[in-house]
C-alpha atoms as a PDB file:
ATOM      1  CA  MET A   1      13.219  14.492  13.205  1.00  0.00           C
ATOM      2  CA  THR A   2      15.497  17.201  11.942  1.00  0.00           C
ATOM      3  CA  ASN A   3      16.871  15.388   8.912  1.00  0.00           C
ATOM      4  CA  SER A   4      14.938  15.336   5.662  1.00  0.00           C
ATOM      5  CA  LYS A   5      14.934  12.785   2.861  1.00  0.00           C
ATOM      6  CA  PRO A   6      13.508  12.553  -0.651  1.00  0.00           C
ATOM      7  CA  TRP A   7       9.891  11.426  -0.899  1.00  0.00           C
ATOM      8  CA  TYR A   8      10.823   8.215  -2.738  1.00  0.00           C
ATOM      9  CA  LEU A   9      12.774   6.942   0.270  1.00  0.00           C
ATOM     10  CA  SER A  10       9.727   7.151   2.548  1.00  0.00           C
ATOM     11  CA  ARG A  11       8.182   3.818   3.553  1.00  0.00           C
ATOM     12  CA  THR A  12       4.959   5.658   4.336  1.00  0.00           C
ATOM     13  CA  ILE A  13       4.705   7.129   0.840  1.00  0.00           C
ATOM     14  CA  TRP A  14       5.311   3.738  -0.816  1.00  0.00           C
ATOM     15  CA  ALA A  15       2.823   1.911   1.416  1.00  0.00           C
ATOM     16  CA  SER A  16       0.247   4.607   0.719  1.00  0.00           C
ATOM     17  CA  LEU A  17       0.828   4.321  -3.037  1.00  0.00           C
ATOM     18  CA  ILE A  18       0.363   0.550  -2.839  1.00  0.00           C
ATOM     19  CA  THR A  19      -2.862   1.085  -0.892  1.00  0.00           C
ATOM     20  CA  ILE A  20      -4.163   3.442  -3.564  1.00  0.00           C
ATOM     21  CA  LEU A  21      -3.167   1.105  -6.405  1.00  0.00           C
ATOM     22  CA  THR A  22      -4.753  -1.984  -4.863  1.00  0.00           C
ATOM     23  CA  ALA A  23      -7.949  -0.091  -4.103  1.00  0.00           C
ATOM     24  CA  ALA A  24      -8.074   1.167  -7.697  1.00  0.00           C
ATOM     25  CA  ALA A  25      -7.426  -2.341  -9.000  1.00  0.00           C
ATOM     26  CA  GLY A  26     -10.358  -3.634  -6.955  1.00  0.00           C
ATOM     27  CA  ILE A  27     -12.631  -0.932  -8.286  1.00  0.00           C
ATOM     28  CA  LEU A  28     -11.575  -1.681 -11.855  1.00  0.00           C
ATOM     29  CA  GLY A  29     -12.019  -5.446 -11.386  1.00  0.00           C
ATOM     30  CA  LEU A  30      -8.410  -6.554 -11.761  1.00  0.00           C
ATOM     31  CA  PRO A  31      -8.421  -9.958 -13.473  1.00  0.00           C
ATOM     32  CA  VAL A  32      -6.269 -12.637 -11.854  1.00  0.00           C
ATOM     33  CA  ALA A  33      -4.830 -15.111 -14.373  1.00  0.00           C
ATOM     34  CA  GLY A  34      -6.244 -18.592 -13.901  1.00  0.00           C
ATOM     35  CA  LEU A  35      -8.745 -17.602 -11.212  1.00  0.00           C
ATOM     36  CA  ASP A  36     -12.392 -17.023 -11.970  1.00  0.00           C
ATOM     37  CA  ASN A  37     -13.509 -16.742  -8.382  1.00  0.00           C
ATOM     38  CA  ALA A  38     -14.436 -13.103  -7.740  1.00  0.00           C
ATOM     39  CA  ALA A  39     -14.557 -13.655  -3.968  1.00  0.00           C
ATOM     40  CA  LEU A  40     -10.954 -14.877  -3.908  1.00  0.00           C
ATOM     41  CA  THR A  41      -9.808 -11.880  -5.936  1.00  0.00           C
ATOM     42  CA  GLU A  42     -11.636  -9.502  -3.613  1.00  0.00           C
ATOM     43  CA  THR A  43     -10.140 -11.185  -0.544  1.00  0.00           C
ATOM     44  CA  LEU A  44      -6.617 -10.942  -1.938  1.00  0.00           C
ATOM     45  CA  LEU A  45      -7.045  -7.269  -2.783  1.00  0.00           C
ATOM     46  CA  GLN A  46      -8.403  -6.549   0.683  1.00  0.00           C
ATOM     47  CA  ALA A  47      -5.488  -8.381   2.309  1.00  0.00           C
ATOM     48  CA  ILE A  48      -2.941  -6.430   0.254  1.00  0.00           C
ATOM     49  CA  THR A  49      -4.694  -3.189   1.134  1.00  0.00           C
ATOM     50  CA  ALA A  50      -4.712  -4.040   4.843  1.00  0.00           C
ATOM     51  CA  ILE A  51      -1.028  -5.029   4.835  1.00  0.00           C
ATOM     52  CA  SER A  52       0.056  -1.891   2.999  1.00  0.00           C
ATOM     53  CA  GLY A  53      -1.983   0.202   5.446  1.00  0.00           C
ATOM     54  CA  LEU A  54      -0.150  -1.429   8.354  1.00  0.00           C
ATOM     55  CA  VAL A  55       3.192  -0.802   6.673  1.00  0.00           C
ATOM     56  CA  ALA A  56       2.215   2.862   6.279  1.00  0.00           C
ATOM     57  CA  ILE A  57       1.334   3.183   9.949  1.00  0.00           C
ATOM     58  CA  PHE A  58       4.415   1.398  11.266  1.00  0.00           C
ATOM     59  CA  GLY A  59       6.624   3.149   8.714  1.00  0.00           C
ATOM     60  CA  ARG A  60       5.492   6.528   9.965  1.00  0.00           C
ATOM     61  CA  LEU A  61       5.865   5.500  13.610  1.00  0.00           C
ATOM     62  CA  GLY A  62       9.390   4.216  12.956  1.00  0.00           C
ATOM     63  CA  ALA A  63      10.465   7.177  10.839  1.00  0.00           C
ATOM     64  CA  SER A  64      13.569   8.961  11.985  1.00  0.00           C
ATOM     65  CA  SER A  65      13.637  11.798   9.471  1.00  0.00           C
ATOM     66  CA  ARG A  66      11.220  14.206   7.864  1.00  0.00           C
ATOM     67  CA  ILE A  67      10.113  14.103   4.258  1.00  0.00           C
ATOM     68  CA  GLY A  68      11.201  17.177   2.390  1.00  0.00           C
END
């Protein structure tokens, strides 16, 4: 990893941002249009958080250049 790239081209950074945003949305009680079921909303937010966490991990493992 001797090459560097801008932060906005990092899959890890974007997956981490998505993780933060979905966690914040869950804390703030993000309303889902047409759905009143709080359990379904919570499950969807947890799934998105888990997927973005996996993308962050695999993005970092597959990275070929440094962030700089």
